[in-house]
Protein backbone atom coordinates (compact mmCIF):
# COMPACT_ATOMS: atom_id res chain seq x y z
CA MET A 1 -95.66 -139.10 2.98
CA ILE A 2 -92.09 -139.55 4.23
CA PHE A 3 -90.79 -139.20 0.69
CA LEU A 4 -92.75 -136.01 0.18
CA ALA A 5 -91.48 -134.68 3.51
CA ILE A 6 -87.88 -135.40 2.50
CA LEU A 7 -88.45 -133.82 -0.88
CA ALA A 8 -89.98 -130.75 0.75
CA ALA A 9 -87.05 -130.51 3.17
CA VAL A 10 -84.52 -130.75 0.33
CA PHE A 11 -86.44 -128.13 -1.61
CA ALA A 12 -86.52 -125.87 1.44
CA VAL A 13 -82.77 -126.30 1.95
CA TYR A 14 -82.16 -125.55 -1.72
CA ILE A 15 -84.30 -122.41 -1.59
CA TYR A 16 -82.66 -121.22 1.63
CA GLN A 17 -79.06 -121.80 0.50
CA SER A 18 -79.84 -120.22 -2.89
CA TRP A 19 -81.14 -117.12 -1.14
CA LEU A 20 -78.25 -117.17 1.35
CA TYR A 21 -75.49 -117.38 -1.27
CA SER A 22 -77.17 -114.92 -3.63
CA LYS A 23 -77.42 -112.32 -0.84
CA ARG A 24 -74.46 -113.11 1.44
CA SER A 25 -71.75 -114.62 -0.79
CA PHE A 26 -69.56 -111.52 -0.73
CA ASP A 27 -70.20 -110.47 2.87
CA GLY A 28 -66.85 -110.47 4.64
CA ILE A 29 -64.92 -111.00 1.39
CA SER A 30 -61.90 -108.74 0.97
CA TYR A 31 -59.44 -108.49 -1.91
CA GLU A 32 -56.03 -106.82 -1.57
CA VAL A 33 -52.99 -106.59 -3.86
CA SER A 34 -49.48 -105.25 -3.24
CA THR A 35 -46.29 -105.08 -5.31
CA SER A 36 -42.74 -106.17 -4.50
CA THR A 37 -41.28 -102.83 -5.60
CA GLU A 38 -42.42 -99.32 -6.46
CA GLU A 39 -40.15 -98.68 -9.44
CA VAL A 40 -38.59 -100.78 -12.21
CA PHE A 41 -37.22 -100.35 -15.69
CA GLN A 42 -39.10 -101.40 -18.79
CA ASN A 43 -39.07 -105.16 -19.57
CA GLU A 44 -38.11 -106.07 -16.01
CA ASP A 45 -40.20 -108.38 -13.81
CA ILE A 46 -41.81 -107.70 -10.45
CA TYR A 47 -43.94 -109.76 -8.08
CA ILE A 48 -47.47 -108.90 -7.03
CA TYR A 49 -49.03 -110.41 -3.93
CA GLU A 50 -52.74 -111.18 -4.01
CA GLU A 51 -54.78 -111.85 -0.85
CA ILE A 52 -58.41 -113.02 -0.78
CA ALA A 53 -60.03 -113.34 2.64
CA ASN A 54 -63.36 -114.85 3.71
CA ASP A 55 -64.07 -113.34 7.12
CA LYS A 56 -67.57 -114.78 7.60
CA MET A 57 -68.71 -118.12 9.00
CA ILE A 58 -70.29 -119.25 5.72
CA PRO A 59 -67.90 -121.18 3.43
CA LEU A 60 -67.82 -120.69 -0.32
CA PRO A 61 -67.99 -124.03 -2.15
CA TYR A 62 -67.12 -122.35 -5.45
CA LEU A 63 -65.20 -119.11 -5.98
CA LYS A 64 -63.72 -118.10 -9.33
CA VAL A 65 -61.25 -115.21 -9.31
CA ALA A 66 -60.55 -113.45 -12.63
CA THR A 67 -57.54 -111.18 -12.08
CA SER A 68 -56.76 -108.47 -14.64
CA LEU A 69 -53.72 -106.27 -15.11
CA PRO A 70 -53.51 -102.85 -16.78
CA ALA A 71 -52.39 -102.86 -20.42
CA GLY A 72 -48.59 -102.87 -20.37
CA LEU A 73 -48.30 -105.42 -17.55
CA ASN A 74 -48.57 -109.18 -18.08
CA PHE A 75 -48.49 -112.27 -15.91
CA ARG A 76 -45.46 -114.41 -16.69
CA ILE A 77 -46.63 -118.02 -16.48
CA THR A 78 -44.03 -120.78 -16.84
CA GLU A 79 -45.32 -123.95 -18.44
CA PHE A 80 -43.76 -127.22 -19.56
CA ASP A 81 -43.77 -127.66 -23.32
CA LYS A 82 -44.51 -131.30 -24.13
CA LYS A 83 -43.08 -130.99 -27.64
CA THR A 84 -39.72 -129.47 -26.77
CA LYS A 85 -39.73 -130.94 -23.25
CA ARG A 86 -38.54 -127.59 -21.94
CA PRO A 87 -40.15 -124.92 -19.80
CA ARG A 88 -41.54 -121.91 -21.64
CA ASP A 89 -43.04 -118.61 -20.57
CA ARG A 90 -46.44 -117.27 -21.54
CA LEU A 91 -47.46 -113.65 -21.02
CA LEU A 92 -51.13 -113.16 -20.11
CA ASN A 93 -52.96 -109.95 -19.30
CA HIS A 94 -55.61 -111.73 -17.23
CA ILE A 95 -55.84 -115.06 -15.49
CA GLN A 96 -58.59 -117.11 -13.82
CA SER A 97 -58.47 -119.39 -10.78
CA VAL A 98 -61.06 -121.48 -8.91
CA PHE A 99 -61.12 -122.08 -5.14
CA VAL A 100 -63.13 -123.65 -2.36
CA MET A 101 -62.95 -121.20 0.54
CA LYS A 102 -63.59 -122.26 4.09
CA SER A 103 -64.98 -119.90 6.66
CA LYS A 104 -62.43 -117.51 8.19
CA GLN A 105 -59.87 -118.45 5.54
CA LYS A 106 -57.27 -116.40 3.67
CA ILE A 107 -55.66 -117.28 0.37
CA ARG A 108 -52.35 -115.61 -0.50
CA ARG A 109 -50.74 -115.90 -3.91
CA ARG A 110 -47.65 -114.51 -5.59
CA TRP A 111 -47.58 -113.70 -9.30
CA ARG A 112 -44.59 -112.87 -11.47
CA VAL A 113 -45.42 -109.89 -13.68
CA ASN A 114 -43.54 -108.53 -16.68
CA CYS A 115 -43.54 -104.73 -17.15
CA SER A 116 -43.36 -104.31 -20.92
CA VAL A 117 -44.49 -100.69 -21.38
CA ARG A 118 -43.36 -97.58 -19.48
CA GLY A 119 -45.98 -95.87 -17.35
CA VAL A 120 -47.46 -95.62 -13.85
CA TYR A 121 -49.71 -98.54 -12.97
CA THR A 122 -52.03 -99.38 -10.09
CA VAL A 123 -52.72 -103.10 -9.72
CA GLY A 124 -55.59 -104.73 -7.88
CA GLU A 125 -58.55 -105.33 -10.18
CA ALA A 126 -60.49 -108.60 -10.19
CA THR A 127 -63.94 -110.06 -10.72
CA LEU A 128 -65.10 -112.69 -8.21
CA VAL A 129 -67.82 -115.19 -9.10
CA ALA A 130 -69.36 -117.26 -6.28
CA SER A 131 -71.86 -120.10 -6.52
CA ASP A 132 -74.03 -122.06 -4.11
CA ILE A 133 -73.62 -125.67 -2.97
CA PHE A 134 -75.43 -127.06 -6.01
CA GLY A 135 -73.72 -124.74 -8.50
CA MET A 136 -77.06 -123.47 -9.73
CA ASN A 137 -76.95 -119.80 -8.76
CA ASN A 138 -74.00 -117.55 -9.53
CA ALA A 139 -73.27 -114.13 -8.12
CA SER A 140 -70.44 -111.86 -9.22
CA LYS A 141 -68.77 -108.74 -7.87
CA GLY A 142 -65.96 -106.55 -9.16
CA TYR A 143 -63.13 -105.42 -6.88
CA LYS A 144 -60.77 -102.56 -7.57
CA CYS A 145 -58.18 -101.57 -4.99
CA GLU A 146 -57.69 -97.89 -4.28
CA GLN A 147 -54.39 -96.42 -5.39
CA ARG A 148 -51.80 -96.73 -2.64
CA LYS A 149 -48.05 -96.65 -2.46
CA ASN A 150 -47.77 -100.42 -2.05
CA ASN A 151 -49.91 -101.29 -5.09
CA THR A 152 -48.53 -98.74 -7.56
CA VAL A 153 -45.48 -99.33 -9.73
CA THR A 154 -43.67 -96.85 -11.96
CA VAL A 155 -42.13 -98.43 -15.06
CA LEU A 156 -39.24 -96.28 -16.29
CA PRO A 157 -38.30 -96.31 -19.99
CA SER A 158 -35.18 -98.38 -20.70
CA PRO A 159 -32.43 -96.72 -22.76
CA VAL A 160 -31.07 -98.17 -26.01
CA ASP A 161 -27.73 -97.79 -27.75
CA LEU A 162 -28.27 -94.76 -29.98
CA GLU A 163 -25.23 -95.47 -32.14
CA GLU A 164 -26.47 -98.99 -32.81
CA HIS A 165 -30.09 -98.06 -33.51
CA PHE A 166 -29.59 -94.79 -35.42
CA THR A 167 -27.63 -93.66 -38.43
CA SER A 168 -27.04 -90.38 -40.23
CA SER A 169 -29.39 -89.06 -42.92
CA TYR A 170 -26.60 -89.70 -45.44
CA TYR A 171 -25.61 -93.10 -46.75
CA HIS A 172 -21.99 -93.78 -45.94
CA SER A 173 -19.28 -96.39 -46.13
CA GLY A 174 -15.79 -96.64 -44.74
CA ASP A 175 -14.73 -94.83 -41.57
CA VAL A 176 -17.42 -93.46 -39.27
CA ILE A 177 -16.71 -90.69 -36.78
CA LYS A 178 -17.91 -91.78 -33.36
CA ASN A 179 -18.93 -89.02 -30.94
CA HIS A 180 -18.14 -89.48 -27.28
CA SER A 181 -20.42 -86.60 -26.31
CA LEU A 182 -23.69 -85.30 -27.73
CA LEU A 183 -22.51 -81.70 -28.05
CA THR A 184 -19.51 -79.88 -29.45
CA ASP A 185 -18.49 -76.26 -28.99
CA PRO A 186 -18.04 -74.50 -32.37
CA LEU A 187 -15.93 -71.82 -30.67
CA LEU A 188 -13.36 -74.39 -29.52
CA ILE A 189 -11.52 -75.51 -32.68
CA ALA A 190 -8.92 -78.24 -32.21
CA GLY A 191 -7.83 -78.46 -35.86
CA ALA A 192 -9.21 -79.82 -39.11
CA ARG A 193 -9.82 -83.24 -40.65
CA ASP A 194 -11.11 -84.70 -43.91
CA TYR A 195 -14.79 -84.24 -44.67
CA THR A 196 -17.06 -87.30 -44.37
CA PRO A 197 -20.68 -87.67 -45.57
CA LEU A 198 -21.71 -87.54 -41.90
CA ASP A 199 -20.58 -83.92 -41.54
CA PRO A 200 -22.99 -81.00 -42.09
CA MET A 201 -21.91 -78.44 -44.67
CA ASN A 202 -21.76 -75.62 -42.13
CA LYS A 203 -18.73 -77.25 -40.46
CA ILE A 204 -16.53 -77.05 -43.57
CA ASN A 205 -13.35 -75.02 -43.06
CA TRP A 206 -12.94 -73.32 -46.44
CA LYS A 207 -9.44 -71.98 -45.73
CA GLN A 208 -8.18 -75.46 -44.89
CA THR A 209 -10.08 -76.83 -47.90
CA ALA A 210 -8.25 -74.40 -50.20
CA ALA A 211 -4.89 -75.18 -48.60
CA HIS A 212 -5.29 -78.97 -48.82
CA ARG A 213 -7.31 -78.95 -52.08
CA ARG A 214 -9.91 -81.27 -50.57
CA LEU A 215 -12.87 -80.75 -48.30
CA MET A 216 -11.82 -80.24 -44.68
CA VAL A 217 -14.01 -79.71 -41.61
CA ASN A 218 -13.31 -78.20 -38.23
CA ILE A 219 -12.60 -80.50 -35.32
CA GLU A 220 -14.70 -79.06 -32.52
CA GLU A 221 -13.89 -79.83 -28.92
CA TYR A 222 -16.47 -81.94 -27.14
CA THR A 223 -17.79 -80.30 -24.04
CA GLN A 224 -19.47 -81.65 -20.94
CA ARG A 225 -20.44 -78.22 -19.64
CA ARG A 226 -22.93 -77.15 -22.30
CA ARG A 227 -26.64 -77.62 -21.76
CA PHE A 228 -29.43 -78.59 -24.11
CA ASN A 229 -33.14 -79.34 -24.12
CA ILE A 230 -35.07 -82.30 -25.56
CA MET A 231 -38.30 -81.75 -27.48
CA ILE A 232 -40.56 -84.81 -27.91
CA ASN A 233 -43.16 -84.64 -30.67
CA MET A 234 -46.35 -86.51 -29.73
CA ASN A 235 -47.57 -86.61 -33.33
CA SER A 236 -46.82 -89.94 -34.97
CA ARG A 237 -47.27 -88.50 -38.48
CA ASP A 238 -47.64 -85.13 -40.17
CA ILE A 239 -51.44 -85.34 -40.35
CA GLU A 240 -53.18 -87.31 -37.60
CA GLN A 241 -56.61 -88.89 -37.96
CA HIS A 242 -57.51 -87.74 -34.45
CA PRO A 243 -56.33 -84.32 -33.19
CA THR A 244 -55.52 -85.49 -29.65
CA ARG A 245 -54.43 -89.09 -30.18
CA PRO A 246 -51.44 -90.35 -32.22
CA SER A 247 -52.46 -92.96 -34.79
CA SER A 248 -49.25 -94.97 -34.21
CA PRO A 249 -48.60 -94.81 -30.46
CA GLU A 250 -45.76 -97.34 -30.75
CA PHE A 251 -43.71 -94.68 -32.59
CA ILE A 252 -44.29 -92.26 -29.72
CA GLU A 253 -43.23 -94.89 -27.21
CA TYR A 254 -39.99 -95.24 -29.10
CA CYS A 255 -39.55 -91.45 -29.11
CA ILE A 256 -39.74 -91.58 -25.31
CA THR A 257 -37.22 -94.44 -25.32
CA VAL A 258 -34.83 -92.31 -27.38
CA ALA A 259 -35.28 -89.39 -24.99
CA ALA A 260 -34.48 -91.74 -22.10
CA SER A 261 -31.37 -92.91 -23.98
CA ILE A 262 -30.17 -89.33 -24.40
CA LEU A 263 -30.72 -88.66 -20.70
CA ASP A 264 -28.85 -91.84 -19.82
CA ARG A 265 -25.96 -90.85 -22.06
CA VAL A 266 -25.46 -87.46 -20.41
CA SER A 267 -26.29 -88.54 -16.85
CA HIS A 268 -22.60 -88.83 -15.92
CA GLU A 269 -21.66 -85.55 -17.62
CA ASN A 270 -23.64 -83.28 -15.27
CA VAL A 271 -25.27 -81.54 -18.26
CA PRO A 272 -28.54 -79.69 -17.46
CA VAL A 273 -31.42 -80.94 -19.60
CA LYS A 274 -35.05 -79.83 -19.89
CA ILE A 275 -37.91 -81.79 -21.48
CA ILE A 276 -40.38 -80.12 -23.84
CA SER A 277 -43.41 -81.82 -25.38
CA ASN A 278 -46.90 -81.27 -26.72
CA THR A 279 -48.36 -83.64 -24.13
CA PRO A 280 -50.73 -82.64 -21.30
CA PRO A 281 -48.52 -81.12 -18.55
CA GLU A 282 -51.14 -81.69 -15.83
CA ALA A 283 -50.57 -85.45 -16.13
CA ILE A 284 -47.21 -84.83 -14.47
CA SER A 285 -47.47 -81.52 -12.63
CA PRO A 286 -49.44 -78.27 -13.16
CA GLU A 287 -46.16 -76.45 -12.49
CA PHE A 288 -44.68 -77.90 -15.67
CA ARG A 289 -46.76 -75.72 -18.00
CA ALA A 290 -44.66 -73.53 -20.28
CA SER A 291 -46.86 -70.52 -19.43
CA ASP A 292 -50.44 -69.56 -18.63
CA ASP A 293 -51.47 -68.45 -22.12
CA GLU A 294 -53.61 -70.50 -24.50
CA ILE A 295 -50.73 -72.39 -26.14
CA GLY A 296 -48.17 -72.33 -23.34
CA GLU A 297 -50.48 -74.07 -20.87
CA LYS A 298 -50.66 -77.04 -23.26
CA ILE A 299 -46.88 -77.47 -23.59
CA LEU A 300 -44.86 -79.51 -21.11
CA PHE A 301 -41.74 -77.63 -20.01
CA THR A 302 -39.82 -79.16 -17.12
CA PRO A 303 -37.11 -77.74 -14.87
CA ASP A 304 -33.43 -78.58 -15.44
CA TYR A 305 -32.28 -82.10 -14.67
CA LYS A 306 -28.59 -82.89 -14.31
CA GLY A 307 -26.51 -85.64 -12.77
CA LYS A 308 -27.48 -89.26 -12.20
CA GLN A 309 -29.87 -88.58 -9.33
CA GLU A 310 -31.88 -85.90 -11.13
CA MET A 311 -31.86 -87.89 -14.37
CA LEU A 312 -33.79 -90.57 -12.49
CA THR A 313 -36.40 -87.89 -11.77
CA ALA A 314 -36.42 -87.02 -15.49
CA LEU A 315 -37.06 -90.69 -16.32
CA ARG A 316 -40.03 -90.60 -13.94
CA VAL A 317 -41.36 -87.64 -15.93
CA LEU A 318 -41.05 -89.69 -19.12
CA ALA A 319 -42.83 -92.59 -17.43
CA MET A 320 -45.76 -90.36 -16.45
CA MET A 321 -46.17 -88.73 -19.87
CA LYS A 322 -49.48 -89.51 -21.56
CA THR A 323 -49.49 -90.58 -25.20
CA GLU A 324 -51.79 -87.70 -26.05
CA ILE A 325 -51.46 -84.60 -28.22
CA SER A 326 -52.20 -81.46 -26.22
CA CYS A 327 -51.62 -79.06 -29.11
CA PRO A 328 -50.58 -79.34 -32.79
CA VAL A 329 -46.83 -79.67 -33.24
CA GLU A 330 -46.84 -76.69 -35.65
CA LYS A 331 -48.18 -74.44 -32.89
CA MET A 332 -45.56 -75.76 -30.48
CA LEU A 333 -42.77 -75.07 -32.99
CA ASP A 334 -44.07 -71.53 -33.55
CA TYR A 335 -44.28 -71.00 -29.80
CA ILE A 336 -40.72 -72.23 -29.25
CA LEU A 337 -39.47 -70.07 -32.12
CA ALA A 338 -41.14 -66.99 -30.65
CA ASN A 339 -39.61 -67.76 -27.24
CA SER A 340 -36.32 -69.35 -28.27
CA ARG A 341 -34.42 -67.69 -25.42
CA ILE A 342 -36.66 -69.51 -22.95
CA PHE A 343 -36.93 -72.92 -24.63
CA ALA A 344 -33.38 -73.05 -26.01
CA GLU A 345 -31.46 -70.70 -23.77
CA SER A 346 -28.43 -72.97 -24.08
CA GLY A 347 -28.35 -72.65 -27.86
CA ASN A 348 -28.99 -76.39 -28.36
CA LEU A 349 -32.21 -78.29 -28.97
CA ILE A 350 -32.64 -82.00 -29.73
CA VAL A 351 -35.93 -82.82 -31.45
CA VAL A 352 -37.16 -86.42 -31.13
CA SER A 353 -39.95 -87.18 -33.58
CA ALA A 354 -41.51 -90.07 -35.47
CA TYR A 355 -41.06 -88.13 -38.72
CA ILE A 356 -39.44 -85.01 -40.14
CA SER A 357 -41.50 -82.57 -42.18
CA GLU A 358 -40.85 -79.48 -44.26
CA ARG A 359 -42.22 -77.40 -41.39
CA MET A 360 -39.53 -78.83 -39.11
CA ILE A 361 -36.83 -78.03 -41.66
CA VAL A 362 -38.06 -74.42 -41.78
CA PHE A 363 -38.06 -74.43 -37.96
CA HIS A 364 -34.42 -75.60 -38.01
CA ASP A 365 -33.37 -72.74 -40.30
CA GLN A 366 -35.29 -70.13 -38.31
CA MET A 367 -33.79 -71.35 -35.03
CA ALA A 368 -30.32 -71.30 -36.60
CA ARG A 369 -30.83 -67.61 -37.39
CA ASN A 370 -31.61 -67.15 -33.69
CA GLY A 371 -28.33 -68.85 -32.80
CA VAL A 372 -29.87 -72.19 -31.80
CA LYS A 373 -28.50 -75.50 -33.08
CA VAL A 374 -31.26 -78.09 -33.70
CA ILE A 375 -30.54 -81.83 -34.04
CA PHE A 376 -33.22 -84.32 -35.10
CA TYR A 377 -33.70 -87.93 -34.01
CA VAL A 378 -36.33 -89.55 -36.25
CA THR A 379 -37.70 -92.83 -34.91
CA THR A 380 -38.70 -94.20 -38.31
CA THR A 381 -36.53 -94.98 -41.33
CA ASN A 382 -35.22 -92.43 -43.83
CA GLN A 383 -38.29 -92.27 -46.05
CA ASN A 384 -38.04 -88.46 -45.98
CA ALA A 385 -34.24 -88.31 -46.20
CA ALA A 386 -34.36 -86.93 -49.75
CA ILE A 387 -35.83 -83.63 -48.56
CA ILE A 388 -33.28 -83.12 -45.78
CA PRO A 389 -30.74 -80.39 -46.65
CA LYS A 390 -27.10 -81.15 -45.96
CA ASN A 391 -26.79 -78.46 -43.31
CA ILE A 392 -29.26 -80.28 -41.02
CA GLU A 393 -28.02 -82.93 -38.61
CA VAL A 394 -30.55 -85.78 -38.63
CA TYR A 395 -30.34 -89.28 -37.20
CA TYR A 396 -33.01 -91.73 -38.29
CA LYS A 397 -33.75 -95.26 -37.17
CA ALA A 398 -31.56 -97.73 -39.00
CA TYR A 399 -34.12 -100.54 -39.06
CA PHE A 400 -37.59 -101.49 -37.84
CA ASP A 401 -38.11 -103.83 -34.93
CA ASN A 402 -40.79 -104.61 -32.39
CA TYR A 403 -41.15 -101.59 -30.12
């Protein structure tokens, strides 16, 4: 009888604690996350601070916490490599931990996080799994922190060296002319020099060519007072499989990196720059729509940015841009051509694209007739270089690497 009584008591305890932990495990449990900073550049590290609190009197003998980060952020975990006998870093998008939590206890942890992709991220998502004393009954609950200032980080795109990563659409050897500014003024002629394969045909000075009996080109003064706009093409190829989503988003990410590099290059020159793109404007601001008509409302058209302080704001715009296609690039080109005085009022437009097509070459010639100079930065190699006329200034990526 005593044995049966003990067995009944144990069974009653088991039933009670199973019911208790299945119903009350997450009562009084809170989960909060904050970041060490609100803004960083791409590939930099930040710290996130994770706090789990058990505010009830019931302890948790088993609590597993599976913490996840948004795509583009990764935990940097340093481990000791037994083979090389050196520490090494591992990047993980999610990580799991197991605790025993006492009643009225808080657990605080600090994680080092690498920000590998530009964007705006809110951290604070985890799944908690609790079990009873005997480990027989599990209960789980997902936690997602609301977006706040202290748990949101903006990852700005990091600039690259354009002269190192890009080359002209013409093969060349020997001396290379290095520009110390992005723009020249064709009305300010400082003399003439020998023609190089890097020079477009429309810069040839035919009078000097006849006098010297060899091709000569004008030396145009570089100016820091002229303005230009940057157009970013969200299409990763001429024909996309999906009308609103680029099939190779890594090419688009590099387009945004190139745009950031151009902004960084002119930040000290006080040159006004606007950003144009076929990406949803509402992701940044409803005020950044080109117009209210059917096509204009789908085109991002920002105000002027100039100087180092405003260029930081422009980088924030690039960070917030969605890798989505709001309208076909052909419609955007037609819209810009029809309103060239609005989109290229300065007479200069830099097009950053993953490819160059015949439609873009036609766009270049039509804009030239409207008095607008168009320069192309192509973020893939020169597979289409054969179709590029010599009067078009194109810079393509010199080599492939990991974006």
